[in-house]
Protein backbone atom coordinates (compact mmCIF):
# COMPACT_ATOMS: atom_id res chain seq x y z
CA MET A 1 -31.17 2.20 2.44
CA ARG A 2 -28.38 4.39 3.82
CA ILE A 3 -25.44 3.24 5.93
CA PHE A 4 -23.04 5.20 8.08
CA SER A 5 -19.90 3.91 9.75
CA GLY A 6 -16.47 5.25 10.56
CA MET A 7 -13.09 4.64 12.12
CA ARG A 8 -10.85 6.74 14.37
CA PRO A 9 -7.57 7.78 12.78
CA SER A 10 -5.14 6.52 15.42
CA GLY A 11 -2.29 4.58 13.94
CA GLN A 12 -1.87 1.84 11.39
CA LEU A 13 -4.90 -0.41 10.67
CA HIS A 14 -4.46 -4.12 11.24
CA ILE A 15 -6.13 -7.25 9.92
CA GLY A 16 -8.71 -7.08 12.73
CA ASN A 17 -9.92 -3.70 11.35
CA TYR A 18 -9.98 -5.15 7.83
CA LEU A 19 -11.72 -8.45 8.56
CA GLY A 20 -14.08 -6.98 11.19
CA ALA A 21 -15.11 -3.84 9.33
CA LEU A 22 -13.52 -2.82 6.00
CA LYS A 23 -14.13 -6.08 4.20
CA ASN A 24 -17.77 -5.92 5.27
CA TRP A 25 -18.10 -2.28 4.14
CA VAL A 26 -16.85 -3.16 0.67
CA GLU A 27 -19.71 -5.68 0.33
CA LEU A 28 -22.34 -3.36 1.79
CA GLN A 29 -21.60 -0.55 -0.65
CA LYS A 30 -22.68 -2.82 -3.51
CA LYS A 31 -26.30 -2.73 -2.28
CA HIS A 32 -26.62 0.44 -0.23
CA GLN A 33 -25.78 4.13 -0.25
CA CYS A 34 -22.89 4.41 2.16
CA VAL A 35 -21.15 7.21 4.06
CA PHE A 36 -17.84 6.24 5.58
CA GLY A 37 -16.21 8.68 8.00
CA VAL A 38 -12.71 9.30 9.19
CA VAL A 39 -13.90 10.37 12.61
CA ASP A 40 -11.06 12.62 13.79
CA TYR A 41 -13.11 14.46 16.43
CA HIS A 42 -13.50 11.07 18.17
CA ALA A 43 -9.71 10.56 17.99
CA ILE A 44 -9.04 13.65 20.12
CA THR A 45 -11.10 12.37 23.08
CA THR A 46 -8.05 10.31 24.18
CA PRO A 47 -4.36 11.40 24.29
CA PHE A 48 -3.06 12.17 20.80
CA ASN A 49 -0.08 13.77 19.03
CA PRO A 50 -1.08 16.96 17.14
CA LYS A 51 1.81 16.40 14.72
CA GLN A 52 0.69 12.84 13.95
CA ILE A 53 -3.08 13.09 13.71
CA SER A 54 -3.16 14.69 10.24
CA LYS A 55 -0.93 11.89 8.95
CA ASP A 56 -3.20 9.29 10.52
CA VAL A 57 -6.24 10.93 8.81
CA LYS A 58 -4.53 10.76 5.41
CA ASN A 59 -3.39 7.15 5.99
CA LEU A 60 -6.88 6.08 6.95
CA VAL A 61 -8.33 7.58 3.75
CA LEU A 62 -5.72 5.62 1.79
CA ASP A 63 -6.64 2.45 3.65
CA TYR A 64 -10.34 2.92 2.82
CA LEU A 65 -9.61 3.34 -0.86
CA ALA A 66 -7.04 0.57 -1.05
CA ALA A 67 -9.41 -1.84 0.69
CA GLY A 68 -12.04 -1.27 -2.00
CA ILE A 69 -14.26 1.54 -0.76
CA ASP A 70 -15.43 2.87 -4.10
CA PRO A 71 -16.32 6.60 -4.40
CA GLY A 72 -17.44 6.10 -7.99
CA SER A 73 -16.37 8.40 -10.77
CA THR A 74 -15.80 11.98 -9.64
CA GLY A 75 -18.86 14.11 -10.12
CA SER A 76 -21.16 11.05 -10.10
CA PRO A 77 -23.97 10.69 -7.53
CA GLN A 78 -23.13 6.96 -7.35
CA GLY A 79 -20.50 5.39 -5.13
CA SER A 80 -19.67 5.58 -1.44
CA ILE A 81 -19.10 8.94 0.22
CA ILE A 82 -15.81 9.25 2.20
CA ILE A 83 -15.72 12.15 4.66
CA ILE A 84 -13.39 13.65 7.23
CA GLN A 85 -15.62 14.35 10.21
CA SER A 86 -14.03 17.66 11.24
CA HIS A 87 -14.53 19.10 7.73
CA ILE A 88 -18.30 19.01 8.23
CA PRO A 89 -19.26 21.26 11.17
CA GLU A 90 -22.84 19.94 11.22
CA HIS A 91 -21.57 16.85 13.07
CA ALA A 92 -20.62 18.94 16.11
CA GLU A 93 -23.71 21.16 15.72
CA LEU A 94 -26.12 18.21 15.82
CA ALA A 95 -24.17 16.67 18.70
CA TRP A 96 -24.78 19.79 20.80
CA ILE A 97 -28.52 19.71 20.05
CA LEU A 98 -28.75 16.00 20.88
CA SER A 99 -26.82 16.59 24.10
CA THR A 100 -29.80 18.59 25.38
CA LEU A 101 -31.93 15.46 25.03
CA THR A 102 -29.43 13.06 26.60
CA PRO A 103 -29.88 12.18 30.30
CA LEU A 104 -26.56 12.00 32.21
CA GLY A 105 -27.56 8.53 33.39
CA GLU A 106 -27.49 7.21 29.82
CA LEU A 107 -23.87 8.31 29.44
CA GLU A 108 -22.80 7.12 32.86
CA ARG A 109 -23.82 3.51 32.07
CA MET A 110 -21.76 3.33 28.87
CA THR A 111 -19.38 0.36 29.16
CA GLN A 112 -16.76 1.74 26.82
CA PHE A 113 -16.50 4.99 28.79
CA LYS A 114 -15.94 3.03 32.02
CA GLU A 115 -13.22 0.95 30.37
CA LYS A 116 -11.45 3.98 28.84
CA ALA A 117 -11.76 5.93 32.09
CA ARG A 118 -9.85 3.12 33.82
CA GLN A 119 -7.30 3.09 31.03
CA TYR A 120 -6.59 6.80 30.79
CA LYS A 121 -7.39 7.93 34.39
CA GLU A 122 -6.09 11.53 34.65
CA SER A 123 -6.71 12.08 30.90
CA VAL A 124 -10.46 11.45 31.12
CA ASN A 125 -12.33 14.45 29.68
CA ALA A 126 -15.86 15.59 28.97
CA GLY A 127 -15.37 14.78 25.27
CA LEU A 128 -14.78 11.13 26.09
CA PHE A 129 -17.87 11.14 28.30
CA CYS A 130 -19.96 12.69 25.54
CA TYR A 131 -18.44 10.51 22.81
CA PRO A 132 -21.70 8.51 22.31
CA ILE A 133 -23.64 11.73 21.60
CA LEU A 134 -21.21 12.73 18.83
CA MET A 135 -21.45 9.21 17.43
CA ALA A 136 -25.27 9.52 17.47
CA ALA A 137 -24.94 12.82 15.58
CA ASP A 138 -22.62 11.18 12.99
CA ILE A 139 -25.31 8.58 12.30
CA LEU A 140 -28.45 10.73 12.51
CA LEU A 141 -26.96 13.59 10.48
CA TYR A 142 -27.16 11.33 7.39
CA LYS A 143 -30.42 9.70 8.49
CA ALA A 144 -28.72 6.31 8.32
CA ASP A 145 -30.85 3.17 8.46
CA LEU A 146 -28.08 0.70 9.24
CA VAL A 147 -24.85 1.05 11.24
CA PRO A 148 -22.23 -1.69 10.85
CA VAL A 149 -20.18 -1.70 14.10
CA GLY A 150 -18.30 -4.03 16.40
CA GLU A 151 -19.87 -5.36 19.56
CA ASP A 152 -18.11 -2.68 21.63
CA GLN A 153 -20.05 0.05 19.79
CA ALA A 154 -23.49 -1.62 19.80
CA GLN A 155 -24.47 0.14 23.04
CA HIS A 156 -23.77 3.48 21.40
CA VAL A 157 -26.03 2.68 18.47
CA GLU A 158 -28.77 1.74 20.94
CA LEU A 159 -28.41 5.20 22.49
CA THR A 160 -28.66 6.67 18.99
CA ARG A 161 -31.99 4.86 18.58
CA VAL A 162 -33.16 6.24 21.92
CA LEU A 163 -32.24 9.82 20.93
CA ALA A 164 -33.91 9.48 17.52
CA ARG A 165 -37.06 8.26 19.24
CA LYS A 166 -37.02 11.07 21.79
CA PHE A 167 -36.43 13.75 19.14
CA ASN A 168 -39.22 12.37 16.90
CA LYS A 169 -41.69 12.18 19.82
CA LYS A 170 -40.92 15.70 21.01
CA PHE A 171 -40.51 17.59 17.74
CA GLY A 172 -42.08 15.42 15.03
CA LYS A 173 -40.84 12.60 12.81
CA THR A 174 -37.32 13.47 11.64
CA PHE A 175 -34.92 10.58 12.05
CA PRO A 176 -35.15 6.86 11.27
CA GLU A 177 -34.20 4.61 14.21
CA PRO A 178 -30.99 3.05 12.85
CA LYS A 179 -30.41 -0.66 13.29
CA THR A 180 -27.13 -2.16 14.44
CA LEU A 181 -25.50 -4.39 11.86
CA LEU A 182 -23.16 -6.82 13.60
CA GLN A 183 -20.95 -9.19 11.63
CA LYS A 184 -22.01 -12.72 12.54
CA PHE A 185 -18.50 -14.20 12.58
CA GLY A 186 -15.14 -12.51 12.99
CA ALA A 187 -16.40 -9.21 14.36
CA ARG A 188 -13.72 -9.50 17.06
CA ILE A 189 -10.28 -10.64 15.91
CA MET A 190 -8.21 -11.29 19.02
CA SER A 191 -4.60 -10.46 19.87
CA LEU A 192 -1.87 -12.80 18.56
CA THR A 193 -0.12 -12.61 21.91
CA ASP A 194 -3.17 -12.78 24.20
CA PRO A 195 -6.37 -14.31 22.78
CA SER A 196 -8.39 -13.04 25.73
CA LYS A 197 -8.28 -9.46 24.43
CA LYS A 198 -9.18 -7.81 21.17
CA MET A 199 -6.40 -7.18 18.64
CA SER A 200 -4.99 -3.67 19.01
CA LYS A 201 -2.51 -1.59 17.03
CA THR A 202 0.54 -2.27 19.20
CA GLY A 203 3.56 -4.50 18.73
CA ASP A 204 3.43 -8.17 17.79
CA GLU A 205 -0.17 -8.66 18.84
CA SER A 206 -1.44 -7.51 15.48
CA ILE A 207 -0.64 -7.74 11.77
CA GLY A 208 -0.68 -4.34 10.10
CA LEU A 209 -2.23 -4.02 6.66
CA THR A 210 1.08 -2.68 5.36
CA ASP A 211 3.37 -5.15 7.15
CA SER A 212 6.00 -6.77 4.91
CA PRO A 213 5.91 -10.52 4.15
CA ASP A 214 8.81 -11.15 6.47
CA VAL A 215 7.15 -9.31 9.34
CA ILE A 216 3.89 -11.21 8.78
CA ARG A 217 5.72 -14.53 8.77
CA ARG A 218 7.50 -13.68 12.02
CA LYS A 219 4.35 -12.50 13.75
CA ILE A 220 2.34 -15.58 12.82
CA LYS A 221 5.24 -17.89 13.69
CA THR A 222 5.54 -16.40 17.20
CA ALA A 223 1.73 -16.10 17.74
CA ILE A 224 0.66 -17.82 20.92
CA THR A 225 -0.95 -21.29 20.58
CA ASP A 226 -2.77 -23.59 23.02
CA SER A 227 -1.57 -26.78 24.65
CA GLY A 228 -1.76 -29.89 22.44
CA LYS A 229 -1.35 -30.06 18.69
CA GLU A 230 -4.96 -30.47 17.44
CA ILE A 231 -6.13 -27.74 15.07
CA LYS A 232 -9.71 -27.46 16.21
CA PHE A 233 -12.11 -24.54 16.71
CA ASP A 234 -13.01 -24.39 20.40
CA GLU A 235 -13.14 -20.84 21.74
CA LYS A 236 -13.44 -21.99 25.36
CA ASN A 237 -10.62 -24.52 25.53
CA LYS A 238 -8.46 -23.48 22.55
CA PRO A 239 -8.91 -19.69 22.20
CA ALA A 240 -5.55 -19.04 20.49
CA ILE A 241 -5.90 -21.61 17.67
CA SER A 242 -9.61 -20.70 17.33
CA ASN A 243 -8.55 -17.08 16.66
CA LEU A 244 -6.04 -18.18 14.03
CA LEU A 245 -8.67 -20.43 12.45
CA THR A 246 -11.05 -17.47 12.28
CA ILE A 247 -8.41 -15.37 10.48
CA TYR A 248 -7.74 -18.29 8.06
CA HIS A 249 -11.51 -18.69 7.40
CA LEU A 250 -12.11 -14.98 6.74
CA PHE A 251 -9.13 -14.60 4.39
CA SER A 252 -9.74 -17.87 2.50
CA ASN A 253 -13.58 -18.01 2.58
CA LYS A 254 -13.22 -21.71 3.40
CA SER A 255 -15.40 -23.10 6.18
CA ILE A 256 -13.90 -23.79 9.58
CA ALA A 257 -14.80 -27.46 9.16
CA ASP A 258 -12.89 -27.68 5.84
CA ILE A 259 -9.83 -26.01 7.38
CA GLU A 260 -9.92 -28.39 10.35
CA LYS A 261 -10.15 -31.32 7.94
CA LYS A 262 -7.24 -30.07 5.86
CA TYR A 263 -4.94 -29.83 8.88
CA ARG A 264 -6.11 -32.97 10.68
CA GLY A 265 -3.02 -34.80 11.96
CA LYS A 266 -0.72 -31.86 11.16
CA GLY A 267 0.94 -29.68 13.73
CA TYR A 268 0.74 -25.95 14.48
CA ALA A 269 3.96 -25.21 12.57
CA GLN A 270 2.56 -26.24 9.17
CA PHE A 271 -0.79 -24.50 9.83
CA LYS A 272 0.91 -21.25 10.84
CA LYS A 273 3.27 -21.35 7.89
CA ASP A 274 0.31 -21.72 5.47
CA LEU A 275 -1.67 -19.04 7.32
CA ALA A 276 1.17 -16.53 6.98
CA GLU A 277 1.43 -17.18 3.23
CA LEU A 278 -2.36 -16.84 2.86
CA ILE A 279 -2.36 -13.46 4.61
CA ILE A 280 0.59 -12.25 2.50
CA LYS A 281 -1.23 -13.30 -0.67
CA GLU A 282 -4.53 -11.70 0.33
CA LEU A 283 -2.98 -8.40 1.46
CA LYS A 284 -0.84 -8.02 -1.67
CA PRO A 285 -3.56 -6.33 -3.82
CA PHE A 286 -4.35 -3.93 -0.95
CA GLN A 287 -0.67 -3.01 -0.52
CA GLU A 288 -0.07 -2.54 -4.24
CA LYS A 289 -3.13 -0.36 -4.66
CA ARG A 290 -2.17 1.66 -1.60
CA LYS A 291 1.28 2.39 -2.98
CA LYS A 292 -0.27 3.64 -6.23
CA LEU A 293 -2.63 5.94 -4.31
CA GLU A 294 0.22 7.33 -2.26
CA LYS A 295 1.82 8.45 -5.55
CA ASN A 296 -1.38 10.18 -6.66
CA PRO A 297 -2.31 12.65 -3.84
CA ARG A 298 -4.32 14.82 -6.27
CA LEU A 299 -6.74 11.98 -6.97
CA VAL A 300 -7.21 11.31 -3.22
CA GLU A 301 -7.79 15.01 -2.59
CA LYS A 302 -10.33 15.12 -5.43
CA ILE A 303 -12.20 12.18 -3.91
CA LEU A 304 -12.33 13.90 -0.51
CA VAL A 305 -13.57 17.19 -2.03
CA GLU A 306 -16.34 15.35 -3.91
CA GLY A 307 -17.24 13.35 -0.77
CA GLU A 308 -17.44 16.52 1.35
CA LYS A 309 -19.63 18.20 -1.27
CA LYS A 310 -22.09 15.28 -1.32
CA ALA A 311 -22.07 14.88 2.47
CA LYS A 312 -22.59 18.57 3.17
CA LYS A 313 -25.66 18.60 0.96
CA ILE A 314 -27.23 15.93 3.22
CA ALA A 315 -25.87 17.43 6.43
CA GLU A 316 -27.03 20.98 5.77
CA SER A 317 -30.52 19.75 4.88
CA THR A 318 -30.75 17.74 8.08
CA ILE A 319 -29.53 20.60 10.32
CA LYS A 320 -31.91 23.04 8.66
CA GLU A 321 -34.83 20.66 9.31
CA VAL A 322 -33.76 20.06 12.93
CA LYS A 323 -33.39 23.74 13.72
CA LYS A 324 -36.75 24.56 12.26
CA LYS A 325 -38.44 21.78 14.28
CA ILE A 326 -36.91 22.88 17.60
CA GLY A 327 -37.88 26.48 16.90
CA LEU A 328 -34.53 28.12 16.18
CA LEU A 329 -34.52 31.09 13.74
């Protein structure tokens, strides 16, 4: 079974990215053939800094490797494939072909487009509108069977299924209809300053994967909490502490019930102090590995070259098949 997923290179990753996606990817690669993309074409659909984006791409590759994405030994067919989307032109080529099968109405009803259109207003462009088609191409190019995504991307995977079905019906069986793989718990880690919204990469509302111990302690100490002192999971009435309990659970692998029992009768201060130390401890191996990789750019470059070679073999085969089926010479 083949899996495709990716992240936009747009600033430092935080624990929400790690707990909601990367940690899950590391487990999935043990059982499946995986392609993990640094989707830089997606990153340019919203305002970006041309001088920064290449740095963000390199940093995201480092994050993948430091988190445990394993490309296997170089030259081996085993291991996950890490790709930079813009290095493989077949992504854009397949997106164009799929765009001719995509009704405008399907794109107009995309929730994420409506949200980003409100956010960026004058900066809204056709690329942002067609973002779901490029995402469909990312997935179908590798004939992926499963796509691990957050809830906000599930609608895009459903469109991918629709396009695969339409192509297969019109031109003959070509693509599998990929299934969405949602993490059952912790897919959405919320902001430390506002538990009503998803954690983002700005300010004190998130903990960056490379944050120092002192910064982590400060951010957890100042994280918003609910009224009362009871440490109890109740997303409706106690969303802030429920979010912190989720983070504790995912880093410790202890059940929510066991954590609640451990802190029964204790206040928020002790819980937050312990949570900060837990995060520091769990991020330490990631941070140490990342520093080593930063000092070995040749190894990282070799991994990317190998990944591109493996990915292009699949991508070129898919595009050749697609062109033949739609009648292009």
